[in-house]
Amino acid sequence: QVQLVESGGGLVQAGGSLRLSCATSSGILLSANTGAWYRQAPGKQRELVASIGSGGSTNYADFVKGRFSISRDNAKNTMDLQMNNLKPEDTAVYYCKHVIYWGQGTQVTVSS
């Protein structure tokens, strides 16, 4: 069973930044396949935030373009999400996904 663990969530004021990280102790290489970050706000469906292909190509949801950046740290075997200029509407539980596997989520709360 592949386990993914997110970290880096927390409470931040609007305009602030957070960096989320997704790691695994399951022995898989996160760089080997497409990975993605999703989020789910209370009462809403889970939505794709950003994805990164095995070759490094990236895609972003329109609502985070120019503010968020997805990347990998191959030395650490992590997938990261740099979130800048955070807005209250970014408040959600953020999940990392690798192939079919999901992490447990990390809470991001942005205060106005």
PDB file of N, CA and C in Angstrom:
ATOM      1  N   GLN A   1       0.842  -1.176   0.000  1.00  0.00           N
ATOM      2  CA  GLN A   1       0.000   0.000   0.000  1.00  0.00           C
ATOM      3  C   GLN A   1       0.895   1.250   0.000  1.00  0.00           C
ATOM      4  N   VAL A   2       0.650   2.132  -0.940  1.00  0.00           N
ATOM      5  CA  VAL A   2       1.425   3.368  -1.033  1.00  0.00           C
ATOM      6  C   VAL A   2       0.824   4.392  -0.084  1.00  0.00           C
ATOM      7  N   GLN A   3       1.665   4.982   0.724  1.00  0.00           N
ATOM      8  CA  GLN A   3       1.209   6.020   1.649  1.00  0.00           C
ATOM      9  C   GLN A   3       1.836   7.354   1.255  1.00  0.00           C
ATOM     10  N   LEU A   4       0.998   8.371   1.157  1.00  0.00           N
ATOM     11  CA  LEU A   4       1.441   9.723   0.883  1.00  0.00           C
ATOM     12  C   LEU A   4       1.116  10.577   2.101  1.00  0.00           C
ATOM     13  N   VAL A   5       2.030  11.447   2.455  1.00  0.00           N
ATOM     14  CA  VAL A   5       1.828  12.294   3.625  1.00  0.00           C
ATOM     15  C   VAL A   5       2.087  13.743   3.242  1.00  0.00           C
ATOM     16  N   GLU A   6       1.074  14.585   3.446  1.00  0.00           N
ATOM     17  CA  GLU A   6       1.210  16.011   3.185  1.00  0.00           C
ATOM     18  C   GLU A   6       1.647  16.734   4.453  1.00  0.00           C
ATOM     19  N   SER A   7       2.352  17.819   4.263  1.00  0.00           N
ATOM     20  CA  SER A   7       2.746  18.675   5.374  1.00  0.00           C
ATOM     21  C   SER A   7       2.816  20.114   4.882  1.00  0.00           C
ATOM     22  N   GLY A   8       2.859  21.035   5.827  1.00  0.00           N
ATOM     23  CA  GLY A   8       3.044  22.437   5.481  1.00  0.00           C
ATOM     24  C   GLY A   8       1.802  23.288   5.557  1.00  0.00           C
ATOM     25  N   GLY A   9       0.660  22.684   5.831  1.00  0.00           N
ATOM     26  CA  GLY A   9      -0.551  23.479   5.952  1.00  0.00           C
ATOM     27  C   GLY A   9      -0.545  24.320   7.223  1.00  0.00           C
ATOM     28  N   GLY A  10      -1.535  25.191   7.334  1.00  0.00           N
ATOM     29  CA  GLY A  10      -1.625  26.029   8.520  1.00  0.00           C
ATOM     30  C   GLY A  10      -2.530  27.206   8.305  1.00  0.00           C
ATOM     31  N   LEU A  11      -2.428  28.155   9.219  1.00  0.00           N
ATOM     32  CA  LEU A  11      -3.220  29.377   9.179  1.00  0.00           C
ATOM     33  C   LEU A  11      -2.335  30.530   8.728  1.00  0.00           C
ATOM     34  N   VAL A  12      -2.806  31.279   7.749  1.00  0.00           N
ATOM     35  CA  VAL A  12      -2.038  32.402   7.229  1.00  0.00           C
ATOM     36  C   VAL A  12      -2.991  33.532   6.881  1.00  0.00           C
ATOM     37  N   GLN A  13      -2.508  34.750   6.942  1.00  0.00           N
ATOM     38  CA  GLN A  13      -3.330  35.890   6.558  1.00  0.00           C
ATOM     39  C   GLN A  13      -3.365  36.028   5.040  1.00  0.00           C
ATOM     40  N   ALA A  14      -4.407  36.653   4.562  1.00  0.00           N
ATOM     41  CA  ALA A  14      -4.526  36.902   3.128  1.00  0.00           C
ATOM     42  C   ALA A  14      -3.286  37.649   2.636  1.00  0.00           C
ATOM     43  N   GLY A  15      -2.794  37.208   1.483  1.00  0.00           N
ATOM     44  CA  GLY A  15      -1.577  37.781   0.929  1.00  0.00           C
ATOM     45  C   GLY A  15      -0.317  37.041   1.329  1.00  0.00           C
ATOM     46  N   GLY A  16      -0.456  36.136   2.260  1.00  0.00           N
ATOM     47  CA  GLY A  16       0.689  35.372   2.732  1.00  0.00           C
ATOM     48  C   GLY A  16       1.002  34.166   1.866  1.00  0.00           C
ATOM     49  N   SER A  17       1.971  33.390   2.309  1.00  0.00           N
ATOM     50  CA  SER A  17       2.442  32.242   1.544  1.00  0.00           C
ATOM     51  C   SER A  17       2.552  31.003   2.427  1.00  0.00           C
ATOM     52  N   LEU A  18       2.393  29.870   1.789  1.00  0.00           N
ATOM     53  CA  LEU A  18       2.639  28.570   2.423  1.00  0.00           C
ATOM     54  C   LEU A  18       3.268  27.653   1.389  1.00  0.00           C
ATOM     55  N   ARG A  19       4.026  26.694   1.876  1.00  0.00           N
ATOM     56  CA  ARG A  19       4.586  25.688   0.985  1.00  0.00           C
ATOM     57  C   ARG A  19       4.171  24.319   1.491  1.00  0.00           C
ATOM     58  N   LEU A  20       3.436  23.609   0.667  1.00  0.00           N
ATOM     59  CA  LEU A  20       3.013  22.254   1.003  1.00  0.00           C
ATOM     60  C   LEU A  20       3.989  21.255   0.415  1.00  0.00           C
ATOM     61  N   SER A  21       4.151  20.149   1.114  1.00  0.00           N
ATOM     62  CA  SER A  21       5.039  19.101   0.627  1.00  0.00           C
ATOM     63  C   SER A  21       4.331  17.755   0.748  1.00  0.00           C
ATOM     64  N   CYS A  22       4.556  16.906  -0.219  1.00  0.00           N
ATOM     65  CA  CYS A  22       3.989  15.564  -0.237  1.00  0.00           C
ATOM     66  C   CYS A  22       5.137  14.570  -0.289  1.00  0.00           C
ATOM     67  N   ALA A  23       5.187  13.674   0.681  1.00  0.00           N
ATOM     68  CA  ALA A  23       6.266  12.709   0.748  1.00  0.00           C
ATOM     69  C   ALA A  23       5.692  11.298   0.891  1.00  0.00           C
ATOM     70  N   THR A  24       6.544  10.332   0.639  1.00  0.00           N
ATOM     71  CA  THR A  24       6.135   8.941   0.791  1.00  0.00           C
ATOM     72  C   THR A  24       7.261   8.118   1.397  1.00  0.00           C
ATOM     73  N   SER A  25       6.885   7.160   2.194  1.00  0.00           N
ATOM     74  CA  SER A  25       7.853   6.229   2.768  1.00  0.00           C
ATOM     75  C   SER A  25       7.660   4.837   2.166  1.00  0.00           C
ATOM     76  N   SER A  26       6.952   4.817   1.035  1.00  0.00           N
ATOM     77  CA  SER A  26       6.573   3.539   0.450  1.00  0.00           C
ATOM     78  C   SER A  26       7.567   3.020  -0.580  1.00  0.00           C
ATOM     79  N   GLY A  27       8.656   3.765  -0.778  1.00  0.00           N
ATOM     80  CA  GLY A  27       9.677   3.284  -1.694  1.00  0.00           C
ATOM     81  C   GLY A  27       9.437   3.601  -3.155  1.00  0.00           C
ATOM     82  N   ILE A  28       8.353   4.317  -3.468  1.00  0.00           N
ATOM     83  CA  ILE A  28       8.097   4.683  -4.860  1.00  0.00           C
ATOM     84  C   ILE A  28       8.768   6.011  -5.172  1.00  0.00           C
ATOM     85  N   LEU A  29       9.034   6.238  -6.430  1.00  0.00           N
ATOM     86  CA  LEU A  29       9.600   7.514  -6.867  1.00  0.00           C
ATOM     87  C   LEU A  29       8.461   8.405  -7.338  1.00  0.00           C
ATOM     88  N   LEU A  30       8.279   9.523  -6.674  1.00  0.00           N
ATOM     89  CA  LEU A  30       7.206  10.428  -7.063  1.00  0.00           C
ATOM     90  C   LEU A  30       7.454  11.044  -8.436  1.00  0.00           C
ATOM     91  N   SER A  31       8.692  11.048  -8.872  1.00  0.00           N
ATOM     92  CA  SER A  31       9.012  11.613 -10.180  1.00  0.00           C
ATOM     93  C   SER A  31       8.677  10.677 -11.333  1.00  0.00           C
ATOM     94  N   ALA A  32       8.324   9.431 -11.019  1.00  0.00           N
ATOM     95  CA  ALA A  32       8.129   8.434 -12.072  1.00  0.00           C
ATOM     96  C   ALA A  32       6.794   8.572 -12.792  1.00  0.00           C
ATOM     97  N   ASN A  33       5.832   9.232 -12.158  1.00  0.00           N
ATOM     98  CA  ASN A  33       4.511   9.362 -12.752  1.00  0.00           C
ATOM     99  C   ASN A  33       3.935  10.742 -12.468  1.00  0.00           C
ATOM    100  N   THR A  34       2.812  11.002 -13.097  1.00  0.00           N
ATOM    101  CA  THR A  34       2.141  12.282 -12.869  1.00  0.00           C
ATOM    102  C   THR A  34       1.662  12.389 -11.430  1.00  0.00           C
ATOM    103  N   GLY A  35       1.871  13.550 -10.864  1.00  0.00           N
ATOM    104  CA  GLY A  35       1.377  13.847  -9.537  1.00  0.00           C
ATOM    105  C   GLY A  35       0.518  15.093  -9.581  1.00  0.00           C
ATOM    106  N   ALA A  36      -0.266  15.287  -8.552  1.00  0.00           N
ATOM    107  CA  ALA A  36      -1.168  16.431  -8.548  1.00  0.00           C
ATOM    108  C   ALA A  36      -1.526  16.843  -7.130  1.00  0.00           C
ATOM    109  N   TRP A  37      -1.934  18.086  -7.019  1.00  0.00           N
ATOM    110  CA  TRP A  37      -2.522  18.612  -5.785  1.00  0.00           C
ATOM    111  C   TRP A  37      -3.985  18.927  -6.059  1.00  0.00           C
ATOM    112  N   TYR A  38      -4.819  18.521  -5.136  1.00  0.00           N
ATOM    113  CA  TYR A  38      -6.243  18.830  -5.177  1.00  0.00           C
ATOM    114  C   TYR A  38      -6.603  19.566  -3.890  1.00  0.00           C
ATOM    115  N   ARG A  39      -7.786  20.140  -3.879  1.00  0.00           N
ATOM    116  CA  ARG A  39      -8.278  20.736  -2.646  1.00  0.00           C
ATOM    117  C   ARG A  39      -9.779  20.548  -2.538  1.00  0.00           C
ATOM    118  N   GLN A  40     -10.240  20.573  -1.317  1.00  0.00           N
ATOM    119  CA  GLN A  40     -11.676  20.444  -1.068  1.00  0.00           C
ATOM    120  C   GLN A  40     -12.070  21.372   0.061  1.00  0.00           C
ATOM    121  N   ALA A  41     -12.910  22.319  -0.283  1.00  0.00           N
ATOM    122  CA  ALA A  41     -13.447  23.257   0.702  1.00  0.00           C
ATOM    123  C   ALA A  41     -14.739  22.687   1.274  1.00  0.00           C
ATOM    124  N   PRO A  42     -15.133  23.120   2.469  1.00  0.00           N
ATOM    125  CA  PRO A  42     -16.366  22.613   3.079  1.00  0.00           C
ATOM    126  C   PRO A  42     -17.571  22.794   2.169  1.00  0.00           C
ATOM    127  N   GLY A  43     -18.320  21.725   1.973  1.00  0.00           N
ATOM    128  CA  GLY A  43     -19.519  21.793   1.153  1.00  0.00           C
ATOM    129  C   GLY A  43     -19.273  21.810  -0.336  1.00  0.00           C
ATOM    130  N   LYS A  44     -18.018  21.669  -0.741  1.00  0.00           N
ATOM    131  CA  LYS A  44     -17.694  21.705  -2.169  1.00  0.00           C
ATOM    132  C   LYS A  44     -17.028  20.407  -2.594  1.00  0.00           C
ATOM    133  N   GLN A  45     -17.027  20.191  -3.905  1.00  0.00           N
ATOM    134  CA  GLN A  45     -16.358  19.011  -4.433  1.00  0.00           C
ATOM    135  C   GLN A  45     -14.854  19.206  -4.452  1.00  0.00           C
ATOM    136  N   ARG A  46     -14.148  18.105  -4.419  1.00  0.00           N
ATOM    137  CA  ARG A  46     -12.696  18.168  -4.543  1.00  0.00           C
ATOM    138  C   ARG A  46     -12.345  18.635  -5.955  1.00  0.00           C
ATOM    139  N   GLU A  47     -11.382  19.540  -6.045  1.00  0.00           N
ATOM    140  CA  GLU A  47     -11.013  20.100  -7.342  1.00  0.00           C
ATOM    141  C   GLU A  47      -9.514  20.067  -7.542  1.00  0.00           C
ATOM    142  N   LEU A  48      -9.131  19.930  -8.804  1.00  0.00           N
ATOM    143  CA  LEU A  48      -7.720  19.908  -9.167  1.00  0.00           C
ATOM    144  C   LEU A  48      -7.122  21.306  -9.040  1.00  0.00           C
ATOM    145  N   VAL A  49      -5.982  21.384  -8.399  1.00  0.00           N
ATOM    146  CA  VAL A  49      -5.267  22.653  -8.254  1.00  0.00           C
ATOM    147  C   VAL A  49      -4.125  22.741  -9.265  1.00  0.00           C
ATOM    148  N   ALA A  50      -3.295  21.710  -9.298  1.00  0.00           N
ATOM    149  CA  ALA A  50      -2.140  21.703 -10.196  1.00  0.00           C
ATOM    150  C   ALA A  50      -1.651  20.280 -10.381  1.00  0.00           C
ATOM    151  N   SER A  51      -1.009  20.036 -11.515  1.00  0.00           N
ATOM    152  CA  SER A  51      -0.442  18.712 -11.767  1.00  0.00           C
ATOM    153  C   SER A  51       0.941  18.868 -12.387  1.00  0.00           C
ATOM    154  N   ILE A  52       1.738  17.821 -12.252  1.00  0.00           N
ATOM    155  CA  ILE A  52       3.080  17.813 -12.837  1.00  0.00           C
ATOM    156  C   ILE A  52       3.330  16.434 -13.429  1.00  0.00           C
ATOM    157  N   GLY A  53       3.745  16.425 -14.691  1.00  0.00           N
ATOM    158  CA  GLY A  53       4.009  15.174 -15.367  1.00  0.00           C
ATOM    159  C   GLY A  53       5.365  14.604 -15.019  1.00  0.00           C
ATOM    160  N   SER A  54       5.604  13.375 -15.451  1.00  0.00           N
ATOM    161  CA  SER A  54       6.883  12.734 -15.165  1.00  0.00           C
ATOM    162  C   SER A  54       8.029  13.495 -15.821  1.00  0.00           C
ATOM    163  N   GLY A  55       7.732  14.200 -16.921  1.00  0.00           N
ATOM    164  CA  GLY A  55       8.762  14.979 -17.583  1.00  0.00           C
ATOM    165  C   GLY A  55       8.895  16.392 -17.061  1.00  0.00           C
ATOM    166  N   GLY A  56       8.047  16.731 -16.105  1.00  0.00           N
ATOM    167  CA  GLY A  56       8.135  18.050 -15.494  1.00  0.00           C
ATOM    168  C   GLY A  56       7.136  19.066 -16.015  1.00  0.00           C
ATOM    169  N   SER A  57       6.316  18.676 -16.993  1.00  0.00           N
ATOM    170  CA  SER A  57       5.324  19.621 -17.489  1.00  0.00           C
ATOM    171  C   SER A  57       4.279  19.874 -16.409  1.00  0.00           C
ATOM    172  N   THR A  58       3.800  21.098 -16.357  1.00  0.00           N
ATOM    173  CA  THR A  58       2.866  21.484 -15.294  1.00  0.00           C
ATOM    174  C   THR A  58       1.581  22.060 -15.870  1.00  0.00           C
ATOM    175  N   ASN A  59       0.516  21.909 -15.108  1.00  0.00           N
ATOM    176  CA  ASN A  59      -0.770  22.498 -15.446  1.00  0.00           C
ATOM    177  C   ASN A  59      -1.397  23.051 -14.177  1.00  0.00           C
ATOM    178  N   TYR A  60      -2.123  24.140 -14.332  1.00  0.00           N
ATOM    179  CA  TYR A  60      -2.717  24.809 -13.189  1.00  0.00           C
ATOM    180  C   TYR A  60      -4.175  25.136 -13.453  1.00  0.00           C
ATOM    181  N   ALA A  61      -4.962  25.069 -12.396  1.00  0.00           N
ATOM    182  CA  ALA A  61      -6.324  25.572 -12.487  1.00  0.00           C
ATOM    183  C   ALA A  61      -6.266  27.083 -12.650  1.00  0.00           C
ATOM    184  N   ASP A  62      -7.224  27.627 -13.365  1.00  0.00           N
ATOM    185  CA  ASP A  62      -7.209  29.068 -13.625  1.00  0.00           C
ATOM    186  C   ASP A  62      -7.185  29.875 -12.338  1.00  0.00           C
ATOM    187  N   PHE A  63      -7.825  29.370 -11.288  1.00  0.00           N
ATOM    188  CA  PHE A  63      -7.939  30.175 -10.071  1.00  0.00           C
ATOM    189  C   PHE A  63      -6.628  30.254  -9.278  1.00  0.00           C
ATOM    190  N   VAL A  64      -5.589  29.525  -9.687  1.00  0.00           N
ATOM    191  CA  VAL A  64      -4.299  29.624  -8.990  1.00  0.00           C
ATOM    192  C   VAL A  64      -3.155  30.047  -9.909  1.00  0.00           C
ATOM    193  N   LYS A  65      -3.442  30.191 -11.177  1.00  0.00           N
ATOM    194  CA  LYS A  65      -2.378  30.581 -12.118  1.00  0.00           C
ATOM    195  C   LYS A  65      -1.745  31.887 -11.692  1.00  0.00           C
ATOM    196  N   GLY A  66      -0.427  31.888 -11.711  1.00  0.00           N
ATOM    197  CA  GLY A  66       0.313  33.077 -11.332  1.00  0.00           C
ATOM    198  C   GLY A  66       0.554  33.206  -9.836  1.00  0.00           C
ATOM    199  N   ARG A  67      -0.100  32.356  -9.048  1.00  0.00           N
ATOM    200  CA  ARG A  67       0.060  32.425  -7.588  1.00  0.00           C
ATOM    201  C   ARG A  67       0.681  31.157  -7.005  1.00  0.00           C
ATOM    202  N   PHE A  68       0.338  30.011  -7.566  1.00  0.00           N
ATOM    203  CA  PHE A  68       0.828  28.729  -7.062  1.00  0.00           C
ATOM    204  C   PHE A  68       1.830  28.135  -8.033  1.00  0.00           C
ATOM    205  N   SER A  69       2.748  27.327  -7.486  1.00  0.00           N
ATOM    206  CA  SER A  69       3.737  26.658  -8.330  1.00  0.00           C
ATOM    207  C   SER A  69       3.956  25.238  -7.809  1.00  0.00           C
ATOM    208  N   ILE A  70       3.811  24.265  -8.704  1.00  0.00           N
ATOM    209  CA  ILE A  70       4.033  22.877  -8.335  1.00  0.00           C
ATOM    210  C   ILE A  70       5.417  22.449  -8.798  1.00  0.00           C
ATOM    211  N   SER A  71       6.089  21.658  -7.991  1.00  0.00           N
ATOM    212  CA  SER A  71       7.432  21.229  -8.342  1.00  0.00           C
ATOM    213  C   SER A  71       7.753  19.914  -7.641  1.00  0.00           C
ATOM    214  N   ARG A  72       8.871  19.349  -8.018  1.00  0.00           N
ATOM    215  CA  ARG A  72       9.370  18.152  -7.334  1.00  0.00           C
ATOM    216  C   ARG A  72      10.778  18.415  -6.820  1.00  0.00           C
ATOM    217  N   ASP A  73      11.076  17.798  -5.706  1.00  0.00           N
ATOM    218  CA  ASP A  73      12.443  17.772  -5.202  1.00  0.00           C
ATOM    219  C   ASP A  73      12.877  16.311  -5.283  1.00  0.00           C
ATOM    220  N   ASN A  74      13.568  15.978  -6.351  1.00  0.00           N
ATOM    221  CA  ASN A  74      13.912  14.574  -6.571  1.00  0.00           C
ATOM    222  C   ASN A  74      14.889  14.043  -5.522  1.00  0.00           C
ATOM    223  N   ALA A  75      15.710  14.914  -4.984  1.00  0.00           N
ATOM    224  CA  ALA A  75      16.658  14.475  -3.951  1.00  0.00           C
ATOM    225  C   ALA A  75      15.924  14.040  -2.695  1.00  0.00           C
ATOM    226  N   LYS A  76      14.829  14.732  -2.411  1.00  0.00           N
ATOM    227  CA  LYS A  76      14.046  14.406  -1.220  1.00  0.00           C
ATOM    228  C   LYS A  76      12.866  13.484  -1.537  1.00  0.00           C
ATOM    229  N   ASN A  77      12.632  13.283  -2.845  1.00  0.00           N
ATOM    230  CA  ASN A  77      11.490  12.498  -3.286  1.00  0.00           C
ATOM    231  C   ASN A  77      10.183  13.084  -2.768  1.00  0.00           C
ATOM    232  N   THR A  78      10.002  14.368  -2.987  1.00  0.00           N
ATOM    233  CA  THR A  78       8.781  15.053  -2.581  1.00  0.00           C
ATOM    234  C   THR A  78       8.176  15.787  -3.770  1.00  0.00           C
ATOM    235  N   MET A  79       6.898  16.070  -3.643  1.00  0.00           N
ATOM    236  CA  MET A  79       6.193  16.932  -4.585  1.00  0.00           C
ATOM    237  C   MET A  79       5.670  18.104  -3.779  1.00  0.00           C
ATOM    238  N   ASP A  80       5.974  19.298  -4.221  1.00  0.00           N
ATOM    239  CA  ASP A  80       5.688  20.482  -3.431  1.00  0.00           C
ATOM    240  C   ASP A  80       4.719  21.424  -4.140  1.00  0.00           C
ATOM    241  N   LEU A  81       4.043  22.236  -3.336  1.00  0.00           N
ATOM    242  CA  LEU A  81       3.155  23.257  -3.867  1.00  0.00           C
ATOM    243  C   LEU A  81       3.446  24.568  -3.143  1.00  0.00           C
ATOM    244  N   GLN A  82       4.060  25.484  -3.848  1.00  0.00           N
ATOM    245  CA  GLN A  82       4.321  26.816  -3.311  1.00  0.00           C
ATOM    246  C   GLN A  82       3.099  27.674  -3.571  1.00  0.00           C
ATOM    247  N   MET A  83       2.532  28.216  -2.520  1.00  0.00           N
ATOM    248  CA  MET A  83       1.309  29.008  -2.635  1.00  0.00           C
ATOM    249  C   MET A  83       1.594  30.428  -2.169  1.00  0.00           C
ATOM    250  N   ASN A  84       1.495  31.365  -3.077  1.00  0.00           N
ATOM    251  CA  ASN A  84       1.740  32.770  -2.774  1.00  0.00           C
ATOM    252  C   ASN A  84       0.463  33.584  -2.941  1.00  0.00           C
ATOM    253  N   ASN A  85       0.458  34.757  -2.346  1.00  0.00           N
ATOM    254  CA  ASN A  85      -0.691  35.649  -2.457  1.00  0.00           C
ATOM    255  C   ASN A  85      -1.997  34.906  -2.151  1.00  0.00           C
ATOM    256  N   LEU A  86      -1.997  34.223  -1.035  1.00  0.00           N
ATOM    257  CA  LEU A  86      -3.161  33.420  -0.678  1.00  0.00           C
ATOM    258  C   LEU A  86      -4.382  34.285  -0.402  1.00  0.00           C
ATOM    259  N   LYS A  87      -5.535  33.735  -0.751  1.00  0.00           N
ATOM    260  CA  LYS A  87      -6.808  34.429  -0.574  1.00  0.00           C
ATOM    261  C   LYS A  87      -7.714  33.599   0.348  1.00  0.00           C
ATOM    262  N   PRO A  88      -8.666  34.233   0.993  1.00  0.00           N
ATOM    263  CA  PRO A  88      -9.572  33.460   1.860  1.00  0.00           C
ATOM    264  C   PRO A  88     -10.263  32.307   1.120  1.00  0.00           C
ATOM    265  N   GLU A  89     -10.525  32.494  -0.156  1.00  0.00           N
ATOM    266  CA  GLU A  89     -11.185  31.427  -0.918  1.00  0.00           C
ATOM    267  C   GLU A  89     -10.261  30.242  -1.211  1.00  0.00           C
ATOM    268  N   ASP A  90      -8.996  30.356  -0.862  1.00  0.00           N
ATOM    269  CA  ASP A  90      -8.078  29.218  -0.976  1.00  0.00           C
ATOM    270  C   ASP A  90      -8.181  28.277   0.226  1.00  0.00           C
ATOM    271  N   THR A  91      -8.959  28.680   1.224  1.00  0.00           N
ATOM    272  CA  THR A  91      -9.142  27.844   2.400  1.00  0.00           C
ATOM    273  C   THR A  91      -9.758  26.512   2.019  1.00  0.00           C
ATOM    274  N   ALA A  92      -9.077  25.431   2.386  1.00  0.00           N
ATOM    275  CA  ALA A  92      -9.520  24.090   2.011  1.00  0.00           C
ATOM    276  C   ALA A  92      -8.567  23.066   2.619  1.00  0.00           C
ATOM    277  N   VAL A  93      -8.952  21.821   2.514  1.00  0.00           N
ATOM    278  CA  VAL A  93      -8.019  20.730   2.790  1.00  0.00           C
ATOM    279  C   VAL A  93      -7.342  20.399   1.468  1.00  0.00           C
ATOM    280  N   TYR A  94      -6.028  20.381   1.483  1.00  0.00           N
ATOM    281  CA  TYR A  94      -5.246  20.125   0.284  1.00  0.00           C
ATOM    282  C   TYR A  94      -4.707  18.688   0.316  1.00  0.00           C
ATOM    283  N   TYR A  95      -4.904  17.999  -0.800  1.00  0.00           N
ATOM    284  CA  TYR A  95      -4.513  16.589  -0.918  1.00  0.00           C
ATOM    285  C   TYR A  95      -3.502  16.428  -2.044  1.00  0.00           C
ATOM    286  N   CYS A  96      -2.512  15.584  -1.818  1.00  0.00           N
ATOM    287  CA  CYS A  96      -1.644  15.209  -2.930  1.00  0.00           C
ATOM    288  C   CYS A  96      -2.108  13.859  -3.469  1.00  0.00           C
ATOM    289  N   LYS A  97      -1.862  13.676  -4.747  1.00  0.00           N
ATOM    290  CA  LYS A  97      -2.239  12.445  -5.426  1.00  0.00           C
ATOM    291  C   LYS A  97      -1.093  12.000  -6.317  1.00  0.00           C
ATOM    292  N   HIS A  98      -0.787  10.724  -6.251  1.00  0.00           N
ATOM    293  CA  HIS A  98       0.224  10.120  -7.117  1.00  0.00           C
ATOM    294  C   HIS A  98      -0.399   8.878  -7.737  1.00  0.00           C
ATOM    295  N   VAL A  99      -0.587   8.925  -9.038  1.00  0.00           N
ATOM    296  CA  VAL A  99      -1.256   7.841  -9.783  1.00  0.00           C
ATOM    297  C   VAL A  99      -2.655   7.681  -9.198  1.00  0.00           C
ATOM    298  N   ILE A 100      -2.934   6.622  -8.462  1.00  0.00           N
ATOM    299  CA  ILE A 100      -4.268   6.427  -7.886  1.00  0.00           C
ATOM    300  C   ILE A 100      -4.288   6.634  -6.385  1.00  0.00           C
ATOM    301  N   TYR A 101      -3.153   7.007  -5.829  1.00  0.00           N
ATOM    302  CA  TYR A 101      -3.019   7.086  -4.370  1.00  0.00           C
ATOM    303  C   TYR A 101      -3.182   8.517  -3.875  1.00  0.00           C
ATOM    304  N   TRP A 102      -3.836   8.641  -2.723  1.00  0.00           N
ATOM    305  CA  TRP A 102      -4.116   9.941  -2.110  1.00  0.00           C
ATOM    306  C   TRP A 102      -3.470  10.040  -0.739  1.00  0.00           C
ATOM    307  N   GLY A 103      -3.067  11.251  -0.391  1.00  0.00           N
ATOM    308  CA  GLY A 103      -2.665  11.515   0.972  1.00  0.00           C
ATOM    309  C   GLY A 103      -3.879  11.783   1.834  1.00  0.00           C
ATOM    310  N   GLN A 104      -3.634  12.034   3.109  1.00  0.00           N
ATOM    311  CA  GLN A 104      -4.744  12.240   4.049  1.00  0.00           C
ATOM    312  C   GLN A 104      -5.212  13.690   4.086  1.00  0.00           C
ATOM    313  N   GLY A 105      -4.432  14.571   3.489  1.00  0.00           N
ATOM    314  CA  GLY A 105      -4.816  15.976   3.419  1.00  0.00           C
ATOM    315  C   GLY A 105      -4.182  16.825   4.499  1.00  0.00           C
ATOM    316  N   THR A 106      -4.012  18.096   4.185  1.00  0.00           N
ATOM    317  CA  THR A 106      -3.510  19.064   5.144  1.00  0.00           C
ATOM    318  C   THR A 106      -4.362  20.324   5.036  1.00  0.00           C
ATOM    319  N   GLN A 107      -4.739  20.877   6.178  1.00  0.00           N
ATOM    320  CA  GLN A 107      -5.650  22.021   6.207  1.00  0.00           C
ATOM    321  C   GLN A 107      -4.895  23.320   5.929  1.00  0.00           C
ATOM    322  N   VAL A 108      -5.440  24.095   5.025  1.00  0.00           N
ATOM    323  CA  VAL A 108      -4.946  25.445   4.761  1.00  0.00           C
ATOM    324  C   VAL A 108      -6.093  26.408   5.057  1.00  0.00           C
ATOM    325  N   THR A 109      -5.827  27.352   5.945  1.00  0.00           N
ATOM    326  CA  THR A 109      -6.841  28.343   6.302  1.00  0.00           C
ATOM    327  C   THR A 109      -6.250  29.728   6.075  1.00  0.00           C
ATOM    328  N   VAL A 110      -6.953  30.527   5.286  1.00  0.00           N
ATOM    329  CA  VAL A 110      -6.496  31.876   4.969  1.00  0.00           C
ATOM    330  C   VAL A 110      -7.490  32.853   5.566  1.00  0.00           C
ATOM    331  N   SER A 111      -7.010  33.679   6.470  1.00  0.00           N
ATOM    332  CA  SER A 111      -7.880  34.647   7.124  1.00  0.00           C
ATOM    333  C   SER A 111      -7.851  35.979   6.377  1.00  0.00           C
ATOM    334  N   SER A 112      -8.961  36.668   6.421  1.00  0.00           N
ATOM    335  CA  SER A 112      -9.055  37.959   5.705  1.00  0.00           C
ATOM    336  C   SER A 112      -8.623  39.118   6.573  1.00  0.00           C
TER     337      SER A 112
END
